[in-house]
Protein backbone atom coordinates (compact mmCIF):
# COMPACT_ATOMS: atom_id res chain seq x y z
CA MET A 1 122.63 79.03 95.85
CA ARG A 2 122.45 82.25 93.66
CA THR A 3 122.53 85.36 95.74
CA ILE A 4 120.07 87.71 95.17
CA LYS A 5 121.45 90.90 92.89
CA TRP A 6 119.64 94.31 93.61
CA GLU A 7 119.92 94.97 90.06
CA LEU A 8 118.74 98.91 90.25
CA ILE A 9 121.40 101.01 88.07
CA GLY A 10 122.97 103.90 90.70
CA MET A 11 121.85 106.58 88.66
CA LEU A 12 118.33 105.62 88.49
CA VAL A 13 117.70 104.94 92.52
CA LEU A 14 118.42 108.19 94.57
CA VAL A 15 119.37 107.05 98.02
CA LEU A 16 121.22 108.25 100.74
CA GLY A 17 124.53 105.95 100.88
CA LEU A 18 125.97 105.41 103.94
CA SER A 19 129.10 103.32 104.71
CA ALA A 20 129.01 100.06 106.02
CA CYS A 21 131.88 98.01 108.26
CA GLY A 22 132.03 94.21 107.38
CA ASN A 23 134.34 91.60 107.34
CA THR A 24 132.34 88.22 107.72
CA PRO A 25 131.00 86.02 105.32
CA GLN A 26 127.80 86.13 103.90
CA ALA A 27 124.82 84.44 105.13
CA THR A 28 123.35 81.37 103.18
CA PRO A 29 119.96 82.02 102.11
CA THR A 30 117.07 79.61 103.25
CA PRO A 31 114.35 79.07 100.38
CA THR A 32 110.64 80.65 101.44
CA LEU A 33 107.65 79.01 100.20
CA ALA A 34 106.01 80.94 97.35
CA PRO A 35 104.01 80.02 94.17
CA THR A 36 105.17 77.94 91.93
CA ALA A 37 105.90 79.35 88.26
CA THR A 38 103.78 76.64 86.09
CA SER A 39 100.96 78.43 84.29
CA ALA A 40 101.24 79.08 80.99
CA PRO A 41 100.80 82.80 79.46
CA VAL A 42 97.24 83.57 78.23
CA LEU A 43 97.76 85.02 74.65
CA GLU A 44 95.00 87.57 73.39
CA THR A 45 94.79 89.54 70.45
CA PRO A 46 96.34 92.93 70.87
CA THR A 47 94.01 95.97 71.10
CA VAL A 48 96.36 98.25 68.81
CA ALA A 49 97.38 96.64 65.36
CA PRO A 50 101.00 96.34 65.17
CA MET A 51 103.67 97.11 62.70
CA GLN A 52 104.94 93.78 63.09
CA GLY A 53 108.35 93.54 62.52
CA ALA A 54 108.94 97.23 61.92
CA ALA A 55 111.34 99.42 63.52
CA LEU A 56 110.16 103.00 64.72
CA PRO A 57 109.85 105.48 61.55
CA GLY A 58 113.23 106.98 60.99
CA ALA A 59 115.13 104.62 63.35
CA GLU A 60 118.78 103.03 62.32
CA PRO A 61 118.28 99.31 61.51
CA LEU A 62 118.81 97.35 64.33
CA ILE A 63 121.21 94.21 64.25
CA ILE A 64 119.71 91.42 66.38
CA THR A 65 122.40 88.62 67.02
CA THR A 66 121.47 85.83 69.04
CA PRO A 67 123.59 84.67 72.19
CA GLU A 68 126.07 81.75 71.64
CA THR A 69 125.08 80.39 74.98
CA LEU A 70 121.50 80.70 76.75
CA GLY A 71 121.09 82.33 79.69
CA ALA A 72 119.46 81.11 82.71
CA CYS A 73 116.89 81.83 85.54
CA GLU A 74 117.17 80.58 89.22
CA ALA A 75 115.47 80.58 92.32
CA ALA A 76 116.61 83.53 94.55
CA PRO A 77 114.88 83.45 97.69
CA LEU A 78 115.30 85.86 100.48
CA PRO A 79 118.00 85.69 102.70
CA VAL A 80 116.11 83.81 105.63
CA VAL A 81 118.37 83.58 108.66
CA ASP A 82 117.88 81.82 112.14
CA VAL A 83 117.73 84.43 114.39
CA ARG A 84 117.17 84.01 118.35
CA PRO A 85 113.71 85.44 119.26
CA PRO A 86 114.16 88.76 121.44
CA ASN A 87 114.13 88.08 125.18
CA ALA A 88 114.42 90.16 128.35
CA GLU A 89 117.76 90.74 128.14
CA ASP A 90 117.38 92.67 124.98
CA TRP A 91 117.03 96.39 124.50
CA GLY A 92 114.00 97.50 122.33
CA LYS A 93 112.11 99.98 121.50
CA GLY A 94 108.94 101.53 119.50
CA ALA A 95 106.26 98.96 119.50
CA SER A 96 105.44 96.02 121.99
CA ALA A 97 106.48 92.36 120.83
CA GLU A 98 102.36 92.29 121.21
CA LYS A 99 101.48 94.82 118.85
CA ALA A 100 104.76 95.15 116.55
CA ALA A 101 103.62 94.46 112.68
CA TYR A 102 107.04 93.53 112.16
CA THR A 103 110.42 93.60 114.30
CA ILE A 104 113.93 94.93 113.16
CA ILE A 105 116.86 93.29 115.16
CA GLU A 106 119.94 95.67 114.68
CA TYR A 107 123.34 93.97 115.10
CA SER A 108 125.67 96.97 115.37
CA ASP A 109 129.19 98.08 116.28
CA PHE A 110 129.09 101.39 118.26
CA GLN A 111 132.49 102.54 116.32
CA CYS A 112 131.30 101.83 112.74
CA PRO A 113 130.46 104.84 111.14
CA GLY A 114 127.51 103.62 109.33
CA CYS A 115 126.25 102.31 112.43
CA SER A 116 126.38 105.95 113.62
CA GLY A 117 124.80 107.56 110.63
CA MET A 118 121.55 104.94 110.77
CA ALA A 119 121.30 105.35 114.22
CA ALA A 120 119.30 108.88 113.79
CA VAL A 121 117.70 106.92 110.75
CA LEU A 122 116.34 104.51 112.93
CA ASP A 123 115.11 106.56 115.63
CA LEU A 124 113.22 108.46 113.03
CA TYR A 125 111.96 105.04 111.14
CA ILE A 126 110.79 103.81 114.41
CA LYS A 127 109.08 107.20 115.53
CA GLU A 128 106.99 107.55 112.53
CA HIS A 129 106.14 103.85 111.83
CA PRO A 130 105.12 103.48 115.53
CA GLU A 131 103.92 99.68 114.32
CA VAL A 132 107.31 98.53 114.43
CA ARG A 133 109.60 97.39 117.08
CA LEU A 134 113.12 97.72 117.22
CA ILE A 135 115.86 95.22 119.07
CA TYR A 136 119.46 96.46 119.14
CA ARG A 137 122.33 93.51 119.76
CA HIS A 138 126.18 94.18 120.17
CA PHE A 139 128.34 92.91 116.95
CA PRO A 140 131.70 94.85 117.60
CA LEU A 141 134.22 93.97 115.02
CA ASP A 142 137.80 92.86 115.97
CA PHE A 143 139.16 95.87 113.60
CA HIS A 144 137.37 98.60 115.82
CA SER A 145 139.84 98.31 119.12
CA LEU A 146 136.87 100.34 121.32
CA ALA A 147 133.78 98.87 120.17
CA GLN A 148 133.69 96.20 122.71
CA LEU A 149 134.19 98.88 125.56
CA ALA A 150 131.61 101.10 124.12
CA ALA A 151 129.30 97.84 123.99
CA GLN A 152 130.21 97.40 127.50
CA ALA A 153 129.40 100.83 128.49
CA ALA A 154 126.03 101.24 127.12
CA GLU A 155 124.97 97.85 128.83
CA ALA A 156 126.38 99.51 132.18
CA ALA A 157 124.55 102.39 131.68
CA GLY A 158 121.00 100.18 130.68
CA ALA A 159 121.62 98.35 134.02
CA GLN A 160 120.62 101.97 135.60
CA GLY A 161 117.88 102.45 133.03
CA LYS A 162 119.59 104.51 130.88
CA PHE A 163 121.06 102.35 127.83
CA TRP A 164 119.42 104.24 124.67
CA GLU A 165 120.06 107.50 126.30
CA MET A 166 123.77 106.20 126.28
CA HIS A 167 123.63 104.44 123.05
CA ASP A 168 122.47 107.94 121.49
CA LEU A 169 125.43 109.71 123.28
CA ILE A 170 128.00 107.10 122.19
CA PHE A 171 127.22 107.51 118.65
CA ASN A 172 126.69 111.11 118.67
CA SER A 173 130.13 111.32 120.09
CA GLN A 174 131.93 108.57 118.07
CA ALA A 175 134.37 111.01 116.40
CA GLU A 176 135.45 112.35 120.12
CA TRP A 177 135.93 109.13 121.75
CA SER A 178 136.97 106.84 118.87
CA VAL A 179 140.40 108.19 118.18
CA LEU A 180 141.76 107.88 121.75
CA THR A 181 143.55 105.32 123.51
CA GLU A 182 141.42 102.66 125.51
CA GLU A 183 142.41 104.67 128.40
CA GLY A 184 141.08 107.77 127.16
CA ALA A 185 137.84 106.15 125.76
CA ARG A 186 137.06 104.38 129.19
CA ALA A 187 137.54 107.81 130.79
CA LYS A 188 135.26 109.61 128.34
CA MET A 189 132.87 107.05 128.84
CA SER A 190 132.58 107.94 132.40
CA GLU A 191 132.25 111.43 131.47
CA TYR A 192 129.11 110.42 129.44
CA ALA A 193 127.74 108.59 132.29
CA ALA A 194 127.93 111.41 134.49
CA SER A 195 126.09 113.69 132.40
CA LEU A 196 123.64 110.91 132.10
CA ALA A 197 123.23 111.02 136.27
CA LEU A 198 124.39 107.89 137.08
CA ASP A 199 125.99 106.23 139.68
CA ILE A 200 129.55 106.50 138.54
CA THR A 201 131.17 104.32 141.20
CA ARG A 202 128.66 101.71 140.12
CA PHE A 203 129.39 102.04 136.41
CA GLU A 204 133.07 102.36 136.65
CA ARG A 205 133.54 99.16 138.64
CA GLU A 206 131.52 97.39 136.16
CA LEU A 207 133.17 98.29 133.71
CA ALA A 208 136.60 97.62 135.27
CA ASP A 209 135.28 94.22 136.28
CA GLY A 210 134.04 92.95 132.92
CA THR A 211 130.70 92.62 133.99
CA TYR A 212 129.06 92.70 130.57
CA LEU A 213 131.67 91.45 128.67
CA GLU A 214 130.08 87.94 128.34
CA LYS A 215 126.64 89.21 126.94
CA VAL A 216 128.35 91.49 124.20
CA GLN A 217 130.68 88.32 123.18
CA SER A 218 127.49 86.10 123.14
CA GLN A 219 125.62 88.44 120.46
CA TYR A 220 128.75 88.85 118.65
CA GLN A 221 129.01 84.73 118.25
CA GLU A 222 125.17 84.75 117.31
CA GLY A 223 126.19 87.29 114.26
CA ALA A 224 128.83 85.45 113.38
CA MET A 225 127.44 82.16 113.71
CA MET A 226 124.41 83.69 111.25
CA GLY A 227 127.22 84.89 109.01
CA LEU A 228 126.26 88.41 109.17
CA PRO A 229 127.82 90.39 106.49
CA GLY A 230 129.45 93.34 108.65
CA THR A 231 127.40 95.95 110.49
CA PRO A 232 124.93 97.50 110.93
CA SER A 233 122.78 94.22 109.99
CA PHE A 234 119.29 94.61 110.07
CA ILE A 235 116.93 91.35 110.29
CA PHE A 236 113.33 92.34 109.66
CA ASP A 237 111.68 89.27 111.57
CA ASP A 238 113.59 86.41 110.07
CA VAL A 239 114.79 88.07 107.05
CA LEU A 240 118.38 89.66 106.68
CA PHE A 241 118.23 93.06 104.69
CA PRO A 242 120.62 93.33 101.96
CA SER A 243 122.96 95.98 102.61
CA ASP A 244 123.51 96.26 98.83
CA ILE A 245 120.57 98.51 98.25
CA GLY A 246 121.82 101.30 100.45
CA LEU A 247 121.87 102.09 104.11
CA SER A 248 118.91 105.06 104.56
CA TYR A 249 115.31 105.62 105.62
CA GLU A 250 113.61 105.03 102.15
CA SER A 251 115.42 101.43 101.80
CA LEU A 252 114.28 100.45 105.35
CA ALA A 253 110.59 101.28 104.15
CA GLU A 254 110.88 99.85 100.83
CA PHE A 255 112.31 96.90 102.27
CA ALA A 256 109.55 96.59 104.46
CA ASN A 257 107.08 97.05 101.58
CA LEU A 258 108.72 94.19 99.61
CA LEU A 259 108.29 91.58 102.64
CA ALA A 260 104.77 92.42 103.04
CA ASN A 261 104.64 91.51 99.49
CA ARG A 262 106.38 88.18 99.37
CA ASP A 263 103.49 86.02 99.10
CA LYS A 264 103.71 87.27 95.58
CA PHE A 265 107.04 85.20 94.84
CA PHE A 266 107.38 82.22 92.67
CA GLN A 267 109.28 79.62 94.13
CA SER A 268 110.96 78.71 91.16
CA ALA A 269 111.76 79.94 87.71
CA PRO A 270 109.64 79.52 84.57
CA GLU A 271 109.96 76.64 82.29
CA MET A 272 111.55 77.50 78.92
CA THR A 273 108.60 77.88 76.58
CA VAL A 274 110.01 80.40 74.38
CA ALA A 275 112.00 80.04 71.22
CA ALA A 276 114.02 82.21 69.45
CA ALA A 277 112.31 81.88 66.37
CA ASP A 278 108.84 82.51 68.23
CA LYS A 279 107.13 85.82 67.40
CA TYR A 280 105.53 87.48 70.41
CA ILE A 281 103.66 91.10 70.27
CA ALA A 282 103.17 92.78 73.84
CA THR A 283 100.80 95.66 74.11
CA LEU A 284 101.41 97.69 77.34
CA THR A 285 98.66 99.21 78.89
CA THR A 286 99.65 102.54 80.76
CA SER A 287 97.83 104.96 82.37
CA GLN A 288 98.54 107.56 79.28
CA GLY A 289 97.80 105.02 76.81
CA ASP A 290 98.59 101.95 74.81
CA ILE A 291 102.41 101.24 74.07
CA VAL A 292 102.95 98.39 71.33
CA VAL A 293 106.02 96.21 71.38
CA GLU A 294 107.43 93.87 68.98
CA LEU A 295 109.58 91.22 71.57
CA LEU A 296 112.61 89.94 70.08
CA PRO A 297 113.45 86.35 71.43
CA GLU A 298 116.38 85.90 69.18
CA SER A 299 118.26 88.36 71.17
CA ALA A 300 117.43 87.21 74.68
CA PRO A 301 115.46 84.39 74.48
CA THR A 302 115.78 83.30 78.08
CA HIS A 303 114.86 86.76 79.51
CA VAL A 304 112.09 87.04 76.64
CA ASN A 305 110.73 83.94 78.29
CA SER A 306 110.68 85.17 81.57
CA PHE A 307 108.99 88.33 80.43
CA VAL A 308 106.26 86.49 78.75
CA PHE A 309 105.91 84.14 81.67
CA LEU A 310 105.25 87.11 83.84
CA ALA A 311 103.05 89.20 81.75
CA GLY A 312 100.67 86.15 81.47
CA GLN A 313 100.95 85.55 85.41
CA GLN A 314 99.54 89.31 85.31
CA TRP A 315 102.88 89.91 87.39
CA TYR A 316 103.47 93.30 86.14
CA ASP A 317 99.89 94.57 86.69
CA GLY A 318 99.86 97.91 88.38
CA SER A 319 103.72 98.58 88.40
CA GLU A 320 104.56 102.48 88.42
CA PHE A 321 106.91 104.05 85.98
CA PHE A 322 109.20 104.54 88.92
CA PHE A 323 111.81 106.45 87.32
CA VAL A 324 111.46 108.07 84.18
CA GLN A 325 113.84 111.13 82.61
CA SER A 326 113.18 112.73 79.37
CA ASP A 327 115.39 111.64 76.47
CA PHE A 328 116.74 108.74 78.69
CA VAL A 329 114.99 105.81 80.10
CA ALA A 330 111.89 105.14 81.50
CA VAL A 331 111.69 102.05 84.57
CA THR A 332 108.91 99.83 85.50
CA GLY A 333 108.15 95.86 85.94
CA ASP A 334 108.00 96.16 90.06
CA PRO A 335 104.38 95.05 91.27
CA THR A 336 105.32 95.98 95.15
CA ASN A 337 106.20 99.67 93.47
CA THR A 338 109.21 99.54 95.96
CA THR A 339 111.90 99.44 93.55
CA LEU A 340 113.21 96.15 94.87
CA GLY A 341 110.79 93.98 93.81
CA TYR A 342 111.50 90.53 91.79
CA PRO A 343 109.73 87.54 90.88
CA GLY A 344 111.56 85.24 93.53
CA TYR A 345 114.02 84.16 90.80
CA TYR A 346 116.93 85.94 88.97
CA CYS A 347 117.73 85.56 85.47
CA SER A 348 121.48 86.34 83.97
CA GLY A 349 123.38 86.08 80.68
CA GLU A 350 122.21 86.85 76.92
CA GLU A 351 123.41 90.79 77.78
CA ARG A 352 124.57 92.84 75.07
CA GLU A 353 126.23 96.37 75.03
CA PHE A 354 123.46 99.30 75.58
CA HIS A 355 122.19 100.77 72.31
CA GLY A 356 120.62 104.20 72.84
CA GLN A 357 118.00 103.92 70.12
CA THR A 358 114.76 105.20 70.99
CA GLY A 359 112.02 102.86 71.99
CA LEU A 360 114.03 99.65 72.56
CA MET A 361 112.87 97.32 76.08
CA TRP A 362 115.70 95.91 77.96
CA MET A 363 115.38 93.96 80.78
CA MET A 364 117.50 93.17 84.26
CA GLY A 365 117.89 90.19 85.73
CA ASN A 366 115.31 90.98 88.38
CA GLY A 367 112.71 91.11 86.06
CA GLN A 368 112.17 94.59 85.63
CA PHE A 369 112.76 96.59 82.41
CA PHE A 370 112.95 99.94 80.89
CA ILE A 371 112.46 101.41 77.71
CA THR A 372 115.04 104.14 76.09
CA LEU A 373 113.42 107.38 75.64
CA GLY A 374 116.05 109.49 73.81
CA ALA A 375 119.57 110.19 72.17
CA THR A 376 121.27 110.90 75.65
CA ALA A 377 120.05 107.08 76.73
CA TYR A 378 123.44 105.83 75.78
CA GLU A 379 125.78 108.30 76.70
CA ASN A 380 124.23 108.17 80.36
CA MET A 381 123.77 104.74 80.57
CA VAL A 382 127.34 103.68 79.54
CA THR A 383 129.30 106.19 81.61
CA ALA A 384 127.58 105.76 85.00
CA PRO A 385 128.05 102.27 85.96
CA ARG A 386 131.82 103.11 85.56
CA ALA A 387 131.90 104.01 89.21
CA GLN A 388 130.96 100.77 90.22
CA GLY A 389 133.86 99.29 88.22
CA SER A 390 132.12 98.27 84.89
CA ALA A 391 133.38 99.02 82.00
CA THR A 392 130.27 99.00 79.74
CA ALA A 393 126.52 98.62 80.56
CA GLN A 394 125.19 95.56 79.69
CA PHE A 395 121.62 94.39 79.58
CA ALA A 396 119.28 91.87 78.03
CA LEU A 397 117.32 93.55 74.66
CA ILE A 398 113.75 91.98 74.75
CA GLY A 399 111.80 94.13 72.64
CA ARG A 400 111.32 97.53 70.22
CA VAL A 401 108.59 99.70 70.31
CA THR A 402 106.29 99.61 67.25
CA GLN A 403 103.62 101.99 68.44
CA GLY A 404 102.97 104.57 70.98
CA VAL A 405 105.98 106.44 70.99
CA GLU A 406 103.61 109.26 72.06
CA VAL A 407 102.76 107.65 74.99
CA LEU A 408 106.07 107.06 76.02
CA LYS A 409 106.61 110.84 75.72
CA LYS A 410 103.75 111.67 77.81
CA LEU A 411 104.61 109.38 80.83
CA ALA A 412 105.29 111.80 83.83
CA VAL A 413 108.90 112.50 84.60
CA HIS A 414 109.54 110.64 87.69
CA SER A 415 112.29 109.38 90.21
CA PRO A 416 112.11 107.18 93.33
CA TYR A 417 110.87 109.06 96.43
CA ASP A 418 110.08 112.14 94.69
CA ALA A 419 106.46 112.62 95.89
CA THR A 420 105.68 115.71 93.85
CA THR A 421 105.04 114.06 90.66
CA PRO A 422 102.93 111.16 90.69
CA ALA A 423 104.11 108.36 88.75
CA ASP A 424 102.46 107.04 85.87
CA THR A 425 101.14 103.36 86.01
CA LEU A 426 101.55 100.00 83.74
CA GLU A 427 98.27 98.72 83.90
CA THR A 428 98.48 95.46 82.23
CA ILE A 429 100.13 93.78 79.55
CA THR A 430 98.62 91.92 76.64
CA LEU A 431 100.33 88.87 74.60
CA ALA A 432 99.52 87.96 70.89
CA ARG A 433 101.54 85.76 68.86
CA PRO A 434 101.12 87.26 64.88
């Protein structure tokens, strides 16, 4: 089964990256029920007569080559995991079980830098989302020699009513105790317990006796059995948060919004109904006006087929242009407006090296697409992926703008998490056969 690939190019999404720790295999996704992708698109007469087959005035000739191998689209359900429901032994905060809109179960490691960085983020997230419930569970990784000791210290503090206070203190002081020997770290935990006015004699005895070792190890085994990829791992109700989208406040909020829209996902990829020789005109009606695009099935038949299907299903209606940079690109195609939205399937293949000509429309495997806006697009796009280990930027070329460049230039400059400038909207897409 294909693993979901969150295909947002690094320079398009401005998230706070925090290092995660991991050494366990990926969880196997479990299919989720969603609508079946079977309906054919409705074709209508475009509202603006396109210059069929013509490029923009003054544009260089565009050489279209048909790929030797067709691409493929496969169902890519969200990674549902079989997680144990919270019980009385779990430490939780935020909304009650009865009132919670959703529950985040965190499997964490007190010696993991990413876990420490996310602790304050989670605390703020819970405070600003009072409808959310947070459950903390232990997942001490083998290569963190003091993580299991720290977990037992938190449990010993919890037995005296101070779990979250010790949780915060251990994470906030990670740089202090994590470099010590086990004996030194044990003494440091006693200092923390004393600062919290705990019964030190009881605390040290329980730590020495390993009173809570079985609980810590049991929770670790739970995480290992689920195939958690590392720490921190977050499970939203029953869906594993994909750490490759970045660890940040914004990514947590966006993933929650994505899950709220998962009933819109398709259960399977669409049937192939578009041939390389077919002609399609797509009119993108935006909040700034219409953009007319000649689709190029001969360039990427599978991706054009996906685009035609999604447009016909009105999947794109209401999508924001969530990243627009002058003389670069305008990105849209996510109706959840989270930057993470995808139709429940993923397409690959048919990519070609990026070309920076103004007005070209490119599609990513997650169904989102972008249009180039200017001369610096090529330089920006081909250099950014190098940090990700890719020599060149490659995407599926699915169309070229024939009318509406002036509309493209009117789109509001915008980036994810930028609340200062409202994003323009892709209101709907009308398809026609010339």
